[in-house]
Structure formats: C-alpha cells, structure tokens
Amino acid sequence: MPDRVPPDADLIAWGMRLRRLREAQGLSIETLAEKAGVSARQLIRVEHGTTSATVTWVLMIAEALGVHPADLFRDSG
C-alpha cells in the first residue's frame, strides 16, 4: 500500500498526469481501481498527490491503462 505523505508539488503533478490518462480513456476512478486491482480510495489519494504510489502500484496502473509504465511519468505537454 502506498505511504501517506504530505502534499508535494511533484506528487501532485504526477497525480494530475495519471488523472489525465485515466480520463482520456473515459475511465472513472472506480473502474481503473478495479481493473488495476487497487483501492479506489488510495487511487484518489494518489491522484491528489497526498499518497505516493509504490513501484508495484505504478506497474498495475500502467497495465490497467494499457500504457508503458514510463508513460505515467512523461509530461503530455
């Protein structure tokens, strides 16, 4: 499970990228969480930048989104 951390600008930016990818695929948080096998509550925290994601979570989320894990860290502009 990801560790709870204070809000951090990098985590917030990463969460926003994740949210954009999720929304671009028309997925709700609940749907992505189910596809990835993660907690929707924790996914919300990750998207808001108040919780970090473990490497395992990154891999599970990337697979559920059908993207390469590195795509979760690329700024889409």
PDB file of N, CA and C in Angstrom:
ATOM      1  N   MET A   1       0.852  -1.179   0.000  1.00  0.00           N
ATOM      2  CA  MET A   1       0.000   0.000   0.000  1.00  0.00           C
ATOM      3  C   MET A   1       0.889   1.231   0.000  1.00  0.00           C
ATOM      4  N   PRO A   2       0.541   2.241  -0.761  1.00  0.00           N
ATOM      5  CA  PRO A   2       1.345   3.468  -0.780  1.00  0.00           C
ATOM      6  C   PRO A   2       1.403   4.118   0.591  1.00  0.00           C
ATOM      7  N   ASP A   3       2.481   4.856   0.848  1.00  0.00           N
ATOM      8  CA  ASP A   3       2.641   5.561   2.112  1.00  0.00           C
ATOM      9  C   ASP A   3       1.982   6.922   2.046  1.00  0.00           C
ATOM     10  N   ARG A   4       1.312   7.301   3.136  1.00  0.00           N
ATOM     11  CA  ARG A   4       0.699   8.628   3.208  1.00  0.00           C
ATOM     12  C   ARG A   4       1.805   9.658   3.413  1.00  0.00           C
ATOM     13  N   VAL A   5       1.806  10.690   2.599  1.00  0.00           N
ATOM     14  CA  VAL A   5       2.842  11.720   2.662  1.00  0.00           C
ATOM     15  C   VAL A   5       2.185  13.090   2.585  1.00  0.00           C
ATOM     16  N   PRO A   6       2.883  14.135   3.062  1.00  0.00           N
ATOM     17  CA  PRO A   6       2.320  15.480   2.911  1.00  0.00           C
ATOM     18  C   PRO A   6       2.274  15.852   1.433  1.00  0.00           C
ATOM     19  N   PRO A   7       1.349  16.740   1.038  1.00  0.00           N
ATOM     20  CA  PRO A   7       1.281  17.156  -0.364  1.00  0.00           C
ATOM     21  C   PRO A   7       2.642  17.653  -0.856  1.00  0.00           C
ATOM     22  N   ASP A   8       2.982  17.255  -2.037  1.00  0.00           N
ATOM     23  CA  ASP A   8       4.259  17.589  -2.644  1.00  0.00           C
ATOM     24  C   ASP A   8       3.988  17.966  -4.098  1.00  0.00           C
ATOM     25  N   ALA A   9       4.632  19.005  -4.580  1.00  0.00           N
ATOM     26  CA  ALA A   9       4.371  19.500  -5.937  1.00  0.00           C
ATOM     27  C   ALA A   9       4.608  18.417  -6.991  1.00  0.00           C
ATOM     28  N   ASP A  10       5.663  17.616  -6.836  1.00  0.00           N
ATOM     29  CA  ASP A  10       5.935  16.555  -7.812  1.00  0.00           C
ATOM     30  C   ASP A  10       4.865  15.473  -7.764  1.00  0.00           C
ATOM     31  N   LEU A  11       4.421  15.103  -6.555  1.00  0.00           N
ATOM     32  CA  LEU A  11       3.369  14.095  -6.434  1.00  0.00           C
ATOM     33  C   LEU A  11       2.055  14.610  -6.999  1.00  0.00           C
ATOM     34  N   ILE A  12       1.771  15.876  -6.765  1.00  0.00           N
ATOM     35  CA  ILE A  12       0.545  16.470  -7.306  1.00  0.00           C
ATOM     36  C   ILE A  12       0.598  16.469  -8.831  1.00  0.00           C
ATOM     37  N   ALA A  13       1.730  16.850  -9.404  1.00  0.00           N
ATOM     38  CA  ALA A  13       1.878  16.862 -10.863  1.00  0.00           C
ATOM     39  C   ALA A  13       1.738  15.452 -11.427  1.00  0.00           C
ATOM     40  N   TRP A  14       2.341  14.466 -10.759  1.00  0.00           N
ATOM     41  CA  TRP A  14       2.241  13.087 -11.220  1.00  0.00           C
ATOM     42  C   TRP A  14       0.795  12.604 -11.146  1.00  0.00           C
ATOM     43  N   GLY A  15       0.118  12.933 -10.057  1.00  0.00           N
ATOM     44  CA  GLY A  15      -1.286  12.556  -9.920  1.00  0.00           C
ATOM     45  C   GLY A  15      -2.154  13.174 -11.000  1.00  0.00           C
ATOM     46  N   MET A  16      -1.851  14.411 -11.375  1.00  0.00           N
ATOM     47  CA  MET A  16      -2.601  15.070 -12.439  1.00  0.00           C
ATOM     48  C   MET A  16      -2.374  14.380 -13.779  1.00  0.00           C
ATOM     49  N   ARG A  17      -1.116  13.949 -14.037  1.00  0.00           N
ATOM     50  CA  ARG A  17      -0.842  13.206 -15.276  1.00  0.00           C
ATOM     51  C   ARG A  17      -1.627  11.897 -15.287  1.00  0.00           C
ATOM     52  N   LEU A  18      -1.635  11.211 -14.159  1.00  0.00           N
ATOM     53  CA  LEU A  18      -2.389   9.960 -14.057  1.00  0.00           C
ATOM     54  C   LEU A  18      -3.869  10.208 -14.308  1.00  0.00           C
ATOM     55  N   ARG A  19      -4.394  11.250 -13.711  1.00  0.00           N
ATOM     56  CA  ARG A  19      -5.811  11.576 -13.899  1.00  0.00           C
ATOM     57  C   ARG A  19      -6.122  11.874 -15.372  1.00  0.00           C
ATOM     58  N   ARG A  20      -5.244  12.648 -16.028  1.00  0.00           N
ATOM     59  CA  ARG A  20      -5.463  12.954 -17.456  1.00  0.00           C
ATOM     60  C   ARG A  20      -5.477  11.678 -18.298  1.00  0.00           C
ATOM     61  N   LEU A  21      -4.549  10.758 -18.026  1.00  0.00           N
ATOM     62  CA  LEU A  21      -4.529   9.493 -18.757  1.00  0.00           C
ATOM     63  C   LEU A  21      -5.804   8.692 -18.505  1.00  0.00           C
ATOM     64  N   ARG A  22      -6.228   8.651 -17.252  1.00  0.00           N
ATOM     65  CA  ARG A  22      -7.445   7.915 -16.890  1.00  0.00           C
ATOM     66  C   ARG A  22      -8.653   8.520 -17.584  1.00  0.00           C
ATOM     67  N   GLU A  23      -8.788   9.827 -17.510  1.00  0.00           N
ATOM     68  CA  GLU A  23      -9.942  10.497 -18.113  1.00  0.00           C
ATOM     69  C   GLU A  23      -9.917  10.410 -19.637  1.00  0.00           C
ATOM     70  N   ALA A  24      -8.726  10.432 -20.245  1.00  0.00           N
ATOM     71  CA  ALA A  24      -8.616  10.308 -21.702  1.00  0.00           C
ATOM     72  C   ALA A  24      -9.165   8.973 -22.180  1.00  0.00           C
ATOM     73  N   GLN A  25      -9.126   7.975 -21.316  1.00  0.00           N
ATOM     74  CA  GLN A  25      -9.669   6.664 -21.650  1.00  0.00           C
ATOM     75  C   GLN A  25     -11.122   6.515 -21.209  1.00  0.00           C
ATOM     76  N   GLY A  26     -11.675   7.582 -20.642  1.00  0.00           N
ATOM     77  CA  GLY A  26     -13.070   7.561 -20.218  1.00  0.00           C
ATOM     78  C   GLY A  26     -13.319   6.674 -19.013  1.00  0.00           C
ATOM     79  N   LEU A  27     -12.298   6.498 -18.177  1.00  0.00           N
ATOM     80  CA  LEU A  27     -12.430   5.627 -17.009  1.00  0.00           C
ATOM     81  C   LEU A  27     -12.695   6.429 -15.747  1.00  0.00           C
ATOM     82  N   SER A  28     -13.579   5.927 -14.927  1.00  0.00           N
ATOM     83  CA  SER A  28     -13.781   6.507 -13.606  1.00  0.00           C
ATOM     84  C   SER A  28     -12.676   5.985 -12.688  1.00  0.00           C
ATOM     85  N   ILE A  29     -12.513   6.625 -11.561  1.00  0.00           N
ATOM     86  CA  ILE A  29     -11.540   6.146 -10.579  1.00  0.00           C
ATOM     87  C   ILE A  29     -11.880   4.719 -10.172  1.00  0.00           C
ATOM     88  N   GLU A  30     -13.151   4.463  -9.949  1.00  0.00           N
ATOM     89  CA  GLU A  30     -13.583   3.135  -9.516  1.00  0.00           C
ATOM     90  C   GLU A  30     -13.266   2.076 -10.564  1.00  0.00           C
ATOM     91  N   THR A  31     -13.503   2.403 -11.835  1.00  0.00           N
ATOM     92  CA  THR A  31     -13.236   1.445 -12.908  1.00  0.00           C
ATOM     93  C   THR A  31     -11.746   1.154 -13.026  1.00  0.00           C
ATOM     94  N   LEU A  32     -10.918   2.202 -13.001  1.00  0.00           N
ATOM     95  CA  LEU A  32      -9.477   1.997 -13.081  1.00  0.00           C
ATOM     96  C   LEU A  32      -8.994   1.199 -11.877  1.00  0.00           C
ATOM     97  N   ALA A  33      -9.467   1.547 -10.705  1.00  0.00           N
ATOM     98  CA  ALA A  33      -9.054   0.822  -9.498  1.00  0.00           C
ATOM     99  C   ALA A  33      -9.391  -0.661  -9.618  1.00  0.00           C
ATOM    100  N   GLU A  34     -10.575  -0.954 -10.106  1.00  0.00           N
ATOM    101  CA  GLU A  34     -10.989  -2.345 -10.263  1.00  0.00           C
ATOM    102  C   GLU A  34     -10.108  -3.061 -11.289  1.00  0.00           C
ATOM    103  N   LYS A  35      -9.867  -2.413 -12.432  1.00  0.00           N
ATOM    104  CA  LYS A  35      -9.030  -3.011 -13.474  1.00  0.00           C
ATOM    105  C   LYS A  35      -7.608  -3.258 -12.973  1.00  0.00           C
ATOM    106  N   ALA A  36      -7.091  -2.333 -12.156  1.00  0.00           N
ATOM    107  CA  ALA A  36      -5.720  -2.429 -11.670  1.00  0.00           C
ATOM    108  C   ALA A  36      -5.595  -3.299 -10.424  1.00  0.00           C
ATOM    109  N   GLY A  37      -6.721  -3.565  -9.774  1.00  0.00           N
ATOM    110  CA  GLY A  37      -6.669  -4.340  -8.540  1.00  0.00           C
ATOM    111  C   GLY A  37      -6.146  -3.542  -7.365  1.00  0.00           C
ATOM    112  N   VAL A  38      -6.472  -2.242  -7.356  1.00  0.00           N
ATOM    113  CA  VAL A  38      -6.043  -1.367  -6.269  1.00  0.00           C
ATOM    114  C   VAL A  38      -7.272  -0.734  -5.616  1.00  0.00           C
ATOM    115  N   SER A  39      -7.077  -0.124  -4.496  1.00  0.00           N
ATOM    116  CA  SER A  39      -8.146   0.544  -3.764  1.00  0.00           C
ATOM    117  C   SER A  39      -8.508   1.869  -4.431  1.00  0.00           C
ATOM    118  N   ALA A  40      -9.800   2.079  -4.684  1.00  0.00           N
ATOM    119  CA  ALA A  40     -10.248   3.356  -5.261  1.00  0.00           C
ATOM    120  C   ALA A  40      -9.911   4.502  -4.313  1.00  0.00           C
ATOM    121  N   ARG A  41     -10.054   4.282  -3.036  1.00  0.00           N
ATOM    122  CA  ARG A  41      -9.759   5.323  -2.041  1.00  0.00           C
ATOM    123  C   ARG A  41      -8.288   5.738  -2.110  1.00  0.00           C
ATOM    124  N   GLN A  42      -7.403   4.754  -2.234  1.00  0.00           N
ATOM    125  CA  GLN A  42      -5.985   5.064  -2.340  1.00  0.00           C
ATOM    126  C   GLN A  42      -5.664   5.710  -3.675  1.00  0.00           C
ATOM    127  N   LEU A  43      -6.340   5.277  -4.736  1.00  0.00           N
ATOM    128  CA  LEU A  43      -6.120   5.873  -6.053  1.00  0.00           C
ATOM    129  C   LEU A  43      -6.502   7.352  -6.050  1.00  0.00           C
ATOM    130  N   ILE A  44      -7.569   7.682  -5.360  1.00  0.00           N
ATOM    131  CA  ILE A  44      -7.962   9.088  -5.211  1.00  0.00           C
ATOM    132  C   ILE A  44      -6.834   9.871  -4.552  1.00  0.00           C
ATOM    133  N   ARG A  45      -6.266   9.308  -3.501  1.00  0.00           N
ATOM    134  CA  ARG A  45      -5.167   9.983  -2.793  1.00  0.00           C
ATOM    135  C   ARG A  45      -3.943  10.135  -3.689  1.00  0.00           C
ATOM    136  N   VAL A  46      -3.662   9.121  -4.492  1.00  0.00           N
ATOM    137  CA  VAL A  46      -2.531   9.210  -5.421  1.00  0.00           C
ATOM    138  C   VAL A  46      -2.779  10.329  -6.428  1.00  0.00           C
ATOM    139  N   GLU A  47      -3.982  10.381  -6.980  1.00  0.00           N
ATOM    140  CA  GLU A  47      -4.296  11.434  -7.960  1.00  0.00           C
ATOM    141  C   GLU A  47      -4.235  12.825  -7.348  1.00  0.00           C
ATOM    142  N   HIS A  48      -4.513  12.937  -6.063  1.00  0.00           N
ATOM    143  CA  HIS A  48      -4.465  14.239  -5.397  1.00  0.00           C
ATOM    144  C   HIS A  48      -3.076  14.576  -4.852  1.00  0.00           C
ATOM    145  N   GLY A  49      -2.139  13.640  -4.984  1.00  0.00           N
ATOM    146  CA  GLY A  49      -0.777  13.904  -4.545  1.00  0.00           C
ATOM    147  C   GLY A  49      -0.565  13.833  -3.057  1.00  0.00           C
ATOM    148  N   THR A  50      -1.487  13.210  -2.326  1.00  0.00           N
ATOM    149  CA  THR A  50      -1.327  13.095  -0.877  1.00  0.00           C
ATOM    150  C   THR A  50      -0.830  11.721  -0.462  1.00  0.00           C
ATOM    151  N   THR A  51      -0.665  10.829  -1.431  1.00  0.00           N
ATOM    152  CA  THR A  51      -0.149   9.484  -1.183  1.00  0.00           C
ATOM    153  C   THR A  51       0.785   9.133  -2.330  1.00  0.00           C
ATOM    154  N   SER A  52       1.895   8.536  -2.000  1.00  0.00           N
ATOM    155  CA  SER A  52       2.808   8.084  -3.049  1.00  0.00           C
ATOM    156  C   SER A  52       2.378   6.712  -3.543  1.00  0.00           C
ATOM    157  N   ALA A  53       2.776   6.379  -4.745  1.00  0.00           N
ATOM    158  CA  ALA A  53       2.479   5.076  -5.324  1.00  0.00           C
ATOM    159  C   ALA A  53       3.746   4.231  -5.303  1.00  0.00           C
ATOM    160  N   THR A  54       3.599   2.986  -4.914  1.00  0.00           N
ATOM    161  CA  THR A  54       4.741   2.078  -4.947  1.00  0.00           C
ATOM    162  C   THR A  54       5.019   1.673  -6.390  1.00  0.00           C
ATOM    163  N   VAL A  55       6.172   1.090  -6.619  1.00  0.00           N
ATOM    164  CA  VAL A  55       6.509   0.599  -7.948  1.00  0.00           C
ATOM    165  C   VAL A  55       5.468  -0.421  -8.399  1.00  0.00           C
ATOM    166  N   THR A  56       5.049  -1.270  -7.494  1.00  0.00           N
ATOM    167  CA  THR A  56       4.029  -2.271  -7.824  1.00  0.00           C
ATOM    168  C   THR A  56       2.752  -1.594  -8.295  1.00  0.00           C
ATOM    169  N   TRP A  57       2.335  -0.543  -7.593  1.00  0.00           N
ATOM    170  CA  TRP A  57       1.125   0.189  -7.998  1.00  0.00           C
ATOM    171  C   TRP A  57       1.299   0.800  -9.376  1.00  0.00           C
ATOM    172  N   VAL A  58       2.445   1.404  -9.626  1.00  0.00           N
ATOM    173  CA  VAL A  58       2.696   2.020 -10.928  1.00  0.00           C
ATOM    174  C   VAL A  58       2.555   0.971 -12.025  1.00  0.00           C
ATOM    175  N   LEU A  59       3.139  -0.193 -11.812  1.00  0.00           N
ATOM    176  CA  LEU A  59       3.058  -1.261 -12.806  1.00  0.00           C
ATOM    177  C   LEU A  59       1.623  -1.730 -13.008  1.00  0.00           C
ATOM    178  N   MET A  60       0.880  -1.881 -11.926  1.00  0.00           N
ATOM    179  CA  MET A  60      -0.510  -2.339 -12.017  1.00  0.00           C
ATOM    180  C   MET A  60      -1.392  -1.306 -12.719  1.00  0.00           C
ATOM    181  N   ILE A  61      -1.184  -0.044 -12.408  1.00  0.00           N
ATOM    182  CA  ILE A  61      -1.974   1.024 -13.024  1.00  0.00           C
ATOM    183  C   ILE A  61      -1.636   1.146 -14.507  1.00  0.00           C
ATOM    184  N   ALA A  62      -0.351   1.091 -14.830  1.00  0.00           N
ATOM    185  CA  ALA A  62       0.059   1.166 -16.244  1.00  0.00           C
ATOM    186  C   ALA A  62      -0.552   0.021 -17.041  1.00  0.00           C
ATOM    187  N   GLU A  63      -0.509  -1.177 -16.485  1.00  0.00           N
ATOM    188  CA  GLU A  63      -1.092  -2.324 -17.185  1.00  0.00           C
ATOM    189  C   GLU A  63      -2.590  -2.130 -17.391  1.00  0.00           C
ATOM    190  N   ALA A  64      -3.277  -1.662 -16.355  1.00  0.00           N
ATOM    191  CA  ALA A  64      -4.722  -1.440 -16.461  1.00  0.00           C
ATOM    192  C   ALA A  64      -5.057  -0.375 -17.497  1.00  0.00           C
ATOM    193  N   LEU A  65      -4.187   0.620 -17.640  1.00  0.00           N
ATOM    194  CA  LEU A  65      -4.388   1.673 -18.636  1.00  0.00           C
ATOM    195  C   LEU A  65      -3.896   1.265 -20.023  1.00  0.00           C
ATOM    196  N   GLY A  66      -3.152   0.171 -20.087  1.00  0.00           N
ATOM    197  CA  GLY A  66      -2.613  -0.279 -21.368  1.00  0.00           C
ATOM    198  C   GLY A  66      -1.498   0.603 -21.885  1.00  0.00           C
ATOM    199  N   VAL A  67      -0.715   1.159 -20.957  1.00  0.00           N
ATOM    200  CA  VAL A  67       0.403   2.021 -21.335  1.00  0.00           C
ATOM    201  C   VAL A  67       1.686   1.486 -20.720  1.00  0.00           C
ATOM    202  N   HIS A  68       2.810   1.935 -21.252  1.00  0.00           N
ATOM    203  CA  HIS A  68       4.099   1.597 -20.667  1.00  0.00           C
ATOM    204  C   HIS A  68       4.225   2.374 -19.350  1.00  0.00           C
ATOM    205  N   PRO A  69       4.800   1.767 -18.307  1.00  0.00           N
ATOM    206  CA  PRO A  69       4.945   2.488 -17.040  1.00  0.00           C
ATOM    207  C   PRO A  69       5.606   3.860 -17.186  1.00  0.00           C
ATOM    208  N   ALA A  70       6.556   3.989 -18.097  1.00  0.00           N
ATOM    209  CA  ALA A  70       7.227   5.282 -18.298  1.00  0.00           C
ATOM    210  C   ALA A  70       6.246   6.355 -18.771  1.00  0.00           C
ATOM    211  N   ASP A  71       5.174   5.943 -19.454  1.00  0.00           N
ATOM    212  CA  ASP A  71       4.181   6.911 -19.919  1.00  0.00           C
ATOM    213  C   ASP A  71       3.509   7.642 -18.758  1.00  0.00           C
ATOM    214  N   LEU A  72       3.497   7.021 -17.587  1.00  0.00           N
ATOM    215  CA  LEU A  72       2.904   7.656 -16.425  1.00  0.00           C
ATOM    216  C   LEU A  72       3.763   8.802 -15.893  1.00  0.00           C
ATOM    217  N   PHE A  73       5.005   8.869 -16.368  1.00  0.00           N
ATOM    218  CA  PHE A  73       5.913   9.908 -15.901  1.00  0.00           C
ATOM    219  C   PHE A  73       6.263  10.935 -16.952  1.00  0.00           C
ATOM    220  N   ARG A  74       5.751  10.751 -18.165  1.00  0.00           N
ATOM    221  CA  ARG A  74       6.013  11.698 -19.247  1.00  0.00           C
ATOM    222  C   ARG A  74       4.978  12.805 -19.205  1.00  0.00           C
ATOM    223  N   ASP A  75       5.445  14.020 -19.254  1.00  0.00           N
ATOM    224  CA  ASP A  75       4.530  15.157 -19.300  1.00  0.00           C
ATOM    225  C   ASP A  75       3.945  15.248 -20.696  1.00  0.00           C
ATOM    226  N   SER A  76       2.614  15.213 -20.761  1.00  0.00           N
ATOM    227  CA  SER A  76       1.952  15.234 -22.068  1.00  0.00           C
ATOM    228  C   SER A  76       1.891  16.630 -22.677  1.00  0.00           C
ATOM    229  N   GLY A  77       2.451  17.591 -21.964  1.00  0.00           N
ATOM    230  CA  GLY A  77       2.506  18.934 -22.531  1.00  0.00           C
ATOM    231  C   GLY A  77       1.448  19.738 -21.987  1.00  0.00           C
TER     232      GLY A  77
END
